[in-house]
Amino acid sequence: MEEEREVMEFDVLFIGAGVHVAMRSGMLAAETILNSLLSEDFSESALLQYEDALYKSDVGKDLYKSRNFHQAFKKASGGDL
């Protein structure tokens, strides 16, 4: 029973992390769109503000830290995933 509870807690944490990333990136995209609508500027440079905001956010920093996880795991296991 205890082992099953630990697995369920892990699943909730793992799934919850993805939801946070999706929600935060959506919020940043909405802010960028709103700014473009208000300024009537839909140029590439105006819309690239989303990318900049994402990378500077807590989500972007977490994604940056985990960017090579798959490659490192592949090297350690010696095979394809």
C-alpha atoms as a PDB file:
ATOM      1  CA  MET A   1       0.000   0.000   0.000  1.00  0.00           C
ATOM      2  CA  GLU A   2       2.812   2.406   0.894  1.00  0.00           C
ATOM      3  CA  GLU A   3       4.620   1.679  -2.380  1.00  0.00           C
ATOM      4  CA  GLU A   4       1.424   2.331  -4.356  1.00  0.00           C
ATOM      5  CA  ARG A   5       0.989   5.663  -2.580  1.00  0.00           C
ATOM      6  CA  GLU A   6       4.562   6.690  -3.438  1.00  0.00           C
ATOM      7  CA  VAL A   7       3.963   5.859  -7.101  1.00  0.00           C
ATOM      8  CA  MET A   8       0.736   7.887  -7.129  1.00  0.00           C
ATOM      9  CA  GLU A   9       2.486  10.870  -5.516  1.00  0.00           C
ATOM     10  CA  PHE A  10       5.254  10.652  -8.123  1.00  0.00           C
ATOM     11  CA  ASP A  11       2.691  10.542 -10.945  1.00  0.00           C
ATOM     12  CA  VAL A  12       0.912  13.614  -9.587  1.00  0.00           C
ATOM     13  CA  LEU A  13       4.186  15.531  -9.302  1.00  0.00           C
ATOM     14  CA  PHE A  14       5.370  14.445 -12.741  1.00  0.00           C
ATOM     15  CA  ILE A  15       2.104  15.267 -14.482  1.00  0.00           C
ATOM     16  CA  GLY A  16       1.696  18.499 -12.525  1.00  0.00           C
ATOM     17  CA  ALA A  17       5.060  19.772 -13.719  1.00  0.00           C
ATOM     18  CA  GLY A  18       3.987  19.499 -17.359  1.00  0.00           C
ATOM     19  CA  VAL A  19       0.756  21.321 -16.650  1.00  0.00           C
ATOM     20  CA  HIS A  20       2.693  24.157 -15.018  1.00  0.00           C
ATOM     21  CA  VAL A  21       4.941  24.509 -18.067  1.00  0.00           C
ATOM     22  CA  ALA A  22       1.943  24.557 -20.419  1.00  0.00           C
ATOM     23  CA  MET A  23       0.017  27.070 -18.327  1.00  0.00           C
ATOM     24  CA  ARG A  24       2.959  29.430 -17.853  1.00  0.00           C
ATOM     25  CA  SER A  25       3.981  29.353 -21.513  1.00  0.00           C
ATOM     26  CA  GLY A  26       0.361  30.013 -22.496  1.00  0.00           C
ATOM     27  CA  MET A  27       0.206  32.976 -20.145  1.00  0.00           C
ATOM     28  CA  LEU A  28       3.394  34.419 -21.620  1.00  0.00           C
ATOM     29  CA  ALA A  29       2.055  33.906 -25.142  1.00  0.00           C
ATOM     30  CA  ALA A  30      -1.174  35.697 -24.196  1.00  0.00           C
ATOM     31  CA  GLU A  31       0.791  38.623 -22.760  1.00  0.00           C
ATOM     32  CA  THR A  32       2.804  38.888 -25.969  1.00  0.00           C
ATOM     33  CA  ILE A  33      -0.332  38.817 -28.116  1.00  0.00           C
ATOM     34  CA  LEU A  34      -2.009  41.448 -25.932  1.00  0.00           C
ATOM     35  CA  ASN A  35       1.026  43.722 -26.209  1.00  0.00           C
ATOM     36  CA  SER A  36       1.029  43.277 -29.997  1.00  0.00           C
ATOM     37  CA  LEU A  37      -2.685  44.052 -30.208  1.00  0.00           C
ATOM     38  CA  LEU A  38      -2.350  47.179 -28.080  1.00  0.00           C
ATOM     39  CA  SER A  39       0.629  48.462 -30.046  1.00  0.00           C
ATOM     40  CA  GLU A  40      -0.676  47.169 -33.405  1.00  0.00           C
ATOM     41  CA  ASP A  41       2.758  45.687 -33.988  1.00  0.00           C
ATOM     42  CA  PHE A  42       2.812  42.104 -35.252  1.00  0.00           C
ATOM     43  CA  SER A  43       6.350  42.147 -36.575  1.00  0.00           C
ATOM     44  CA  GLU A  44       8.746  39.298 -35.975  1.00  0.00           C
ATOM     45  CA  SER A  45      10.671  41.335 -33.415  1.00  0.00           C
ATOM     46  CA  ALA A  46       7.482  42.092 -31.466  1.00  0.00           C
ATOM     47  CA  LEU A  47       6.427  38.446 -31.427  1.00  0.00           C
ATOM     48  CA  LEU A  48       9.924  37.269 -30.474  1.00  0.00           C
ATOM     49  CA  GLN A  49       9.276  38.911 -27.112  1.00  0.00           C
ATOM     50  CA  TYR A  50       7.439  35.680 -26.242  1.00  0.00           C
ATOM     51  CA  GLU A  51      10.585  33.609 -26.743  1.00  0.00           C
ATOM     52  CA  ASP A  52      12.627  36.045 -24.704  1.00  0.00           C
ATOM     53  CA  ALA A  53      10.050  36.097 -21.891  1.00  0.00           C
ATOM     54  CA  LEU A  54       9.830  32.296 -21.866  1.00  0.00           C
ATOM     55  CA  TYR A  55      13.584  31.774 -21.593  1.00  0.00           C
ATOM     56  CA  LYS A  56      13.858  34.354 -18.818  1.00  0.00           C
ATOM     57  CA  SER A  57      10.964  32.863 -16.839  1.00  0.00           C
ATOM     58  CA  ASP A  58      11.235  30.177 -14.173  1.00  0.00           C
ATOM     59  CA  VAL A  59       9.887  27.668 -16.705  1.00  0.00           C
ATOM     60  CA  GLY A  60      12.534  28.569 -19.270  1.00  0.00           C
ATOM     61  CA  LYS A  61      15.286  28.235 -16.703  1.00  0.00           C
ATOM     62  CA  ASP A  62      14.005  24.776 -15.711  1.00  0.00           C
ATOM     63  CA  LEU A  63      13.770  23.709 -19.348  1.00  0.00           C
ATOM     64  CA  TYR A  64      17.311  24.921 -19.974  1.00  0.00           C
ATOM     65  CA  LYS A  65      18.642  22.819 -17.101  1.00  0.00           C
ATOM     66  CA  SER A  66      17.053  19.664 -18.487  1.00  0.00           C
ATOM     67  CA  ARG A  67      17.890  20.253 -22.172  1.00  0.00           C
ATOM     68  CA  ASN A  68      20.473  17.440 -22.450  1.00  0.00           C
ATOM     69  CA  PHE A  69      18.792  14.898 -20.205  1.00  0.00           C
ATOM     70  CA  HIS A  70      17.805  12.573 -23.049  1.00  0.00           C
ATOM     71  CA  GLN A  71      21.304  12.537 -24.568  1.00  0.00           C
ATOM     72  CA  ALA A  72      22.951  11.873 -21.206  1.00  0.00           C
ATOM     73  CA  PHE A  73      20.548   9.033 -20.469  1.00  0.00           C
ATOM     74  CA  LYS A  74      21.159   7.549 -23.902  1.00  0.00           C
ATOM     75  CA  LYS A  75      24.933   7.578 -23.365  1.00  0.00           C
ATOM     76  CA  ALA A  76      24.628   6.016 -19.924  1.00  0.00           C
ATOM     77  CA  SER A  77      22.308   3.226 -21.107  1.00  0.00           C
ATOM     78  CA  GLY A  78      24.322   2.552 -24.245  1.00  0.00           C
ATOM     79  CA  GLY A  79      21.298   2.289 -26.525  1.00  0.00           C
ATOM     80  CA  ASP A  80      18.404   3.955 -28.198  1.00  0.00           C
ATOM     81  CA  LEU A  81      15.404   5.099 -26.219  1.00  0.00           C
END
